[in-house]
Amino acid sequence: MTRAERMKATLEATFAPAALQIEDESRRHANHAGRHGLPASETHYKVTLISDAFTGLSRVARQRAVNEALASEFSCGMHALSLTLRTPEEAAET
């Protein structure tokens, strides 16, 4: 199972998203990862997550919740995570 597949399973189980998109951006950062002793793949991700679970949470609280859910991925080589986190109502406004 790839890191993206594991992330998808974890985020779906934790946040029951209305929409979820995970993009592996590692190829854009291959030189950066190599300089820091990391593998050049499965290190950088962009996640867009729409969920009712974010209702009433600040931007920082949303990011903390996702980072906590994915803590095991950070502990085994994931280096960076770009997050767009919205409620369904906020997503409808954009």
N, C-alpha and C. Protein backbone atom coordinates (compact mmCIF):
# COMPACT_ATOMS: atom_id res chain seq x y z
N MET A 1 0.85 -1.18 0.00
CA MET A 1 0.00 0.00 0.00
C MET A 1 0.89 1.24 0.00
N THR A 2 0.58 2.20 -0.85
CA THR A 2 1.37 3.42 -0.91
C THR A 2 1.02 4.35 0.26
N ARG A 3 1.88 5.35 0.45
CA ARG A 3 1.59 6.32 1.51
C ARG A 3 0.28 7.05 1.22
N ALA A 4 0.04 7.41 -0.03
CA ALA A 4 -1.20 8.11 -0.39
C ALA A 4 -2.42 7.24 -0.08
N GLU A 5 -2.34 5.96 -0.33
CA GLU A 5 -3.44 5.05 -0.02
C GLU A 5 -3.67 4.97 1.49
N ARG A 6 -2.59 4.90 2.25
CA ARG A 6 -2.71 4.87 3.72
C ARG A 6 -3.31 6.18 4.24
N MET A 7 -2.85 7.29 3.68
CA MET A 7 -3.38 8.59 4.09
C MET A 7 -4.87 8.68 3.78
N LYS A 8 -5.25 8.23 2.59
CA LYS A 8 -6.67 8.26 2.19
C LYS A 8 -7.52 7.45 3.17
N ALA A 9 -7.08 6.26 3.50
CA ALA A 9 -7.83 5.41 4.44
C ALA A 9 -7.95 6.08 5.80
N THR A 10 -6.88 6.65 6.29
CA THR A 10 -6.88 7.30 7.60
C THR A 10 -7.79 8.52 7.60
N LEU A 11 -7.66 9.36 6.59
CA LEU A 11 -8.47 10.58 6.54
C LEU A 11 -9.94 10.28 6.35
N GLU A 12 -10.26 9.27 5.56
CA GLU A 12 -11.66 8.88 5.39
C GLU A 12 -12.25 8.35 6.69
N ALA A 13 -11.49 7.54 7.40
CA ALA A 13 -11.98 6.97 8.66
C ALA A 13 -12.11 8.04 9.75
N THR A 14 -11.23 9.01 9.75
CA THR A 14 -11.21 10.02 10.80
C THR A 14 -12.19 11.16 10.55
N PHE A 15 -12.31 11.61 9.30
CA PHE A 15 -13.06 12.83 9.02
C PHE A 15 -14.32 12.63 8.17
N ALA A 16 -14.59 11.43 7.68
CA ALA A 16 -15.77 11.16 6.83
C ALA A 16 -15.97 12.29 5.82
N PRO A 17 -14.99 12.49 4.95
CA PRO A 17 -15.04 13.66 4.07
C PRO A 17 -16.13 13.62 3.01
N ALA A 18 -16.61 14.82 2.69
CA ALA A 18 -17.51 14.98 1.55
C ALA A 18 -16.68 14.95 0.27
N ALA A 19 -15.43 15.38 0.37
CA ALA A 19 -14.49 15.34 -0.76
C ALA A 19 -13.08 15.24 -0.21
N LEU A 20 -12.25 14.50 -0.92
CA LEU A 20 -10.86 14.31 -0.51
C LEU A 20 -9.99 14.17 -1.75
N GLN A 21 -8.96 14.97 -1.81
CA GLN A 21 -7.99 14.88 -2.90
C GLN A 21 -6.60 14.87 -2.30
N ILE A 22 -5.79 13.90 -2.69
CA ILE A 22 -4.41 13.78 -2.22
C ILE A 22 -3.50 13.77 -3.44
N GLU A 23 -2.57 14.71 -3.45
CA GLU A 23 -1.63 14.80 -4.57
C GLU A 23 -0.21 14.62 -4.05
N ASP A 24 0.50 13.67 -4.61
CA ASP A 24 1.91 13.45 -4.26
C ASP A 24 2.74 14.46 -5.03
N GLU A 25 3.32 15.42 -4.33
CA GLU A 25 4.15 16.46 -4.94
C GLU A 25 5.63 16.19 -4.75
N SER A 26 5.98 14.99 -4.38
CA SER A 26 7.37 14.64 -4.06
C SER A 26 8.31 14.91 -5.23
N ARG A 27 7.85 14.67 -6.44
CA ARG A 27 8.71 14.86 -7.61
C ARG A 27 9.20 16.30 -7.72
N ARG A 28 8.41 17.24 -7.23
CA ARG A 28 8.80 18.65 -7.27
C ARG A 28 9.86 19.00 -6.23
N HIS A 29 10.04 18.10 -5.27
CA HIS A 29 10.95 18.37 -4.16
C HIS A 29 12.06 17.33 -4.04
N ALA A 30 12.30 16.58 -5.08
CA ALA A 30 13.27 15.48 -5.02
C ALA A 30 14.65 15.96 -4.58
N ASN A 31 15.11 17.08 -5.10
CA ASN A 31 16.43 17.59 -4.70
C ASN A 31 16.43 18.03 -3.25
N HIS A 32 15.36 18.64 -2.82
CA HIS A 32 15.24 19.09 -1.43
C HIS A 32 15.31 17.91 -0.47
N ALA A 33 14.56 16.86 -0.78
CA ALA A 33 14.55 15.67 0.08
C ALA A 33 15.93 15.05 0.16
N GLY A 34 16.58 14.91 -0.99
CA GLY A 34 17.90 14.31 -1.02
C GLY A 34 18.91 15.04 -0.18
N ARG A 35 18.81 16.36 -0.16
CA ARG A 35 19.73 17.16 0.65
C ARG A 35 19.55 16.91 2.14
N HIS A 36 18.38 16.48 2.52
CA HIS A 36 18.07 16.26 3.93
C HIS A 36 18.08 14.78 4.30
N GLY A 37 18.62 13.95 3.43
CA GLY A 37 18.75 12.54 3.72
C GLY A 37 17.46 11.75 3.62
N LEU A 38 16.44 12.32 3.00
CA LEU A 38 15.16 11.64 2.85
C LEU A 38 15.08 10.97 1.49
N PRO A 39 14.26 9.95 1.36
CA PRO A 39 14.05 9.37 0.03
C PRO A 39 13.38 10.42 -0.86
N ALA A 40 13.56 10.30 -2.14
CA ALA A 40 13.03 11.30 -3.07
C ALA A 40 11.56 11.09 -3.41
N SER A 41 10.94 10.05 -2.90
CA SER A 41 9.54 9.79 -3.21
C SER A 41 8.71 9.69 -1.93
N GLU A 42 7.42 9.96 -2.07
CA GLU A 42 6.45 9.87 -0.98
C GLU A 42 6.85 10.71 0.24
N THR A 43 7.30 11.95 -0.01
CA THR A 43 7.71 12.82 1.09
C THR A 43 6.88 14.09 1.20
N HIS A 44 6.32 14.57 0.09
CA HIS A 44 5.60 15.84 0.06
C HIS A 44 4.21 15.62 -0.54
N TYR A 45 3.18 16.08 0.17
CA TYR A 45 1.80 15.88 -0.27
C TYR A 45 0.99 17.15 -0.15
N LYS A 46 0.01 17.26 -1.03
CA LYS A 46 -0.99 18.32 -0.98
C LYS A 46 -2.34 17.64 -0.76
N VAL A 47 -3.06 18.06 0.27
CA VAL A 47 -4.34 17.45 0.61
C VAL A 47 -5.42 18.52 0.64
N THR A 48 -6.50 18.25 -0.07
CA THR A 48 -7.70 19.06 0.02
C THR A 48 -8.77 18.17 0.64
N LEU A 49 -9.33 18.62 1.74
CA LEU A 49 -10.28 17.81 2.51
C LEU A 49 -11.48 18.67 2.89
N ILE A 50 -12.65 18.24 2.49
CA ILE A 50 -13.91 18.91 2.81
C ILE A 50 -14.67 18.00 3.77
N SER A 51 -14.97 18.52 4.96
CA SER A 51 -15.62 17.66 5.96
C SER A 51 -16.42 18.48 6.96
N ASP A 52 -17.56 17.93 7.37
CA ASP A 52 -18.36 18.54 8.44
C ASP A 52 -17.59 18.53 9.77
N ALA A 53 -16.59 17.67 9.89
CA ALA A 53 -15.82 17.58 11.12
C ALA A 53 -15.08 18.88 11.43
N PHE A 54 -14.92 19.75 10.44
CA PHE A 54 -14.20 21.01 10.64
C PHE A 54 -15.11 22.14 11.11
N THR A 55 -16.40 21.90 11.18
CA THR A 55 -17.34 22.93 11.61
C THR A 55 -16.99 23.40 13.02
N GLY A 56 -16.85 24.70 13.16
CA GLY A 56 -16.55 25.30 14.47
C GLY A 56 -15.09 25.29 14.85
N LEU A 57 -14.23 24.70 14.01
CA LEU A 57 -12.80 24.65 14.32
C LEU A 57 -12.05 25.76 13.59
N SER A 58 -11.07 26.33 14.25
CA SER A 58 -10.22 27.33 13.61
C SER A 58 -9.34 26.65 12.58
N ARG A 59 -8.71 27.45 11.75
CA ARG A 59 -7.79 26.92 10.73
C ARG A 59 -6.67 26.12 11.39
N VAL A 60 -6.13 26.63 12.48
CA VAL A 60 -5.05 25.95 13.19
C VAL A 60 -5.53 24.64 13.80
N ALA A 61 -6.71 24.64 14.39
CA ALA A 61 -7.26 23.42 14.99
C ALA A 61 -7.51 22.35 13.92
N ARG A 62 -7.95 22.75 12.75
CA ARG A 62 -8.16 21.81 11.65
C ARG A 62 -6.83 21.18 11.24
N GLN A 63 -5.80 22.02 11.09
CA GLN A 63 -4.49 21.52 10.69
C GLN A 63 -3.91 20.59 11.75
N ARG A 64 -4.08 20.94 13.00
CA ARG A 64 -3.59 20.07 14.08
C ARG A 64 -4.29 18.72 14.04
N ALA A 65 -5.59 18.72 13.82
CA ALA A 65 -6.35 17.47 13.78
C ALA A 65 -5.85 16.56 12.65
N VAL A 66 -5.61 17.14 11.48
CA VAL A 66 -5.13 16.33 10.35
C VAL A 66 -3.70 15.85 10.62
N ASN A 67 -2.86 16.74 11.13
CA ASN A 67 -1.48 16.33 11.44
C ASN A 67 -1.45 15.21 12.48
N GLU A 68 -2.32 15.28 13.48
CA GLU A 68 -2.39 14.21 14.48
C GLU A 68 -2.85 12.90 13.85
N ALA A 69 -3.83 12.99 12.96
CA ALA A 69 -4.33 11.77 12.30
C ALA A 69 -3.24 11.12 11.45
N LEU A 70 -2.35 11.94 10.90
CA LEU A 70 -1.30 11.42 10.02
C LEU A 70 0.07 11.35 10.70
N ALA A 71 0.09 11.39 12.01
CA ALA A 71 1.36 11.38 12.75
C ALA A 71 2.24 10.19 12.40
N SER A 72 1.64 9.04 12.18
CA SER A 72 2.44 7.86 11.86
C SER A 72 3.15 8.02 10.52
N GLU A 73 2.56 8.75 9.60
CA GLU A 73 3.22 8.99 8.30
C GLU A 73 4.41 9.93 8.46
N PHE A 74 4.27 10.93 9.31
CA PHE A 74 5.39 11.84 9.56
C PHE A 74 6.54 11.09 10.23
N SER A 75 6.22 10.11 11.06
CA SER A 75 7.27 9.38 11.77
C SER A 75 8.01 8.40 10.88
N CYS A 76 7.49 8.14 9.67
CA CYS A 76 8.16 7.19 8.79
C CYS A 76 8.49 7.79 7.43
N GLY A 77 8.84 9.07 7.40
CA GLY A 77 9.39 9.64 6.18
C GLY A 77 8.64 10.75 5.48
N MET A 78 7.36 10.97 5.82
CA MET A 78 6.68 12.09 5.19
C MET A 78 7.28 13.38 5.74
N HIS A 79 7.59 14.30 4.86
CA HIS A 79 8.32 15.50 5.25
C HIS A 79 7.45 16.75 5.27
N ALA A 80 6.53 16.86 4.33
CA ALA A 80 5.74 18.09 4.20
C ALA A 80 4.32 17.78 3.76
N LEU A 81 3.41 18.61 4.27
CA LEU A 81 1.99 18.42 3.99
C LEU A 81 1.35 19.80 3.80
N SER A 82 0.84 20.05 2.60
CA SER A 82 0.12 21.28 2.31
C SER A 82 -1.37 20.97 2.43
N LEU A 83 -2.07 21.77 3.24
CA LEU A 83 -3.46 21.44 3.55
C LEU A 83 -4.43 22.54 3.14
N THR A 84 -5.52 22.13 2.51
CA THR A 84 -6.68 22.98 2.29
C THR A 84 -7.83 22.25 2.97
N LEU A 85 -8.36 22.84 4.04
CA LEU A 85 -9.34 22.16 4.88
C LEU A 85 -10.57 23.06 5.02
N ARG A 86 -11.72 22.57 4.54
CA ARG A 86 -12.94 23.38 4.57
C ARG A 86 -14.14 22.53 4.98
N THR A 87 -15.15 23.22 5.47
CA THR A 87 -16.45 22.58 5.68
C THR A 87 -17.16 22.57 4.33
N PRO A 88 -18.20 21.76 4.16
CA PRO A 88 -18.94 21.78 2.90
C PRO A 88 -19.52 23.16 2.57
N GLU A 89 -19.95 23.89 3.59
CA GLU A 89 -20.49 25.23 3.36
C GLU A 89 -19.41 26.17 2.85
N GLU A 90 -18.22 26.10 3.43
CA GLU A 90 -17.12 26.95 2.97
C GLU A 90 -16.70 26.58 1.55
N ALA A 91 -16.71 25.32 1.24
CA ALA A 91 -16.34 24.88 -0.10
C ALA A 91 -17.35 25.36 -1.14
N ALA A 92 -18.62 25.41 -0.77
CA ALA A 92 -19.66 25.86 -1.68
C ALA A 92 -19.53 27.35 -1.99
N GLU A 93 -18.95 28.09 -1.07
CA GLU A 93 -18.78 29.54 -1.25
C GLU A 93 -17.65 29.90 -2.19
N THR A 94 -16.71 28.96 -2.40
CA THR A 94 -15.56 29.29 -3.24
C THR A 94 -15.76 28.92 -4.69
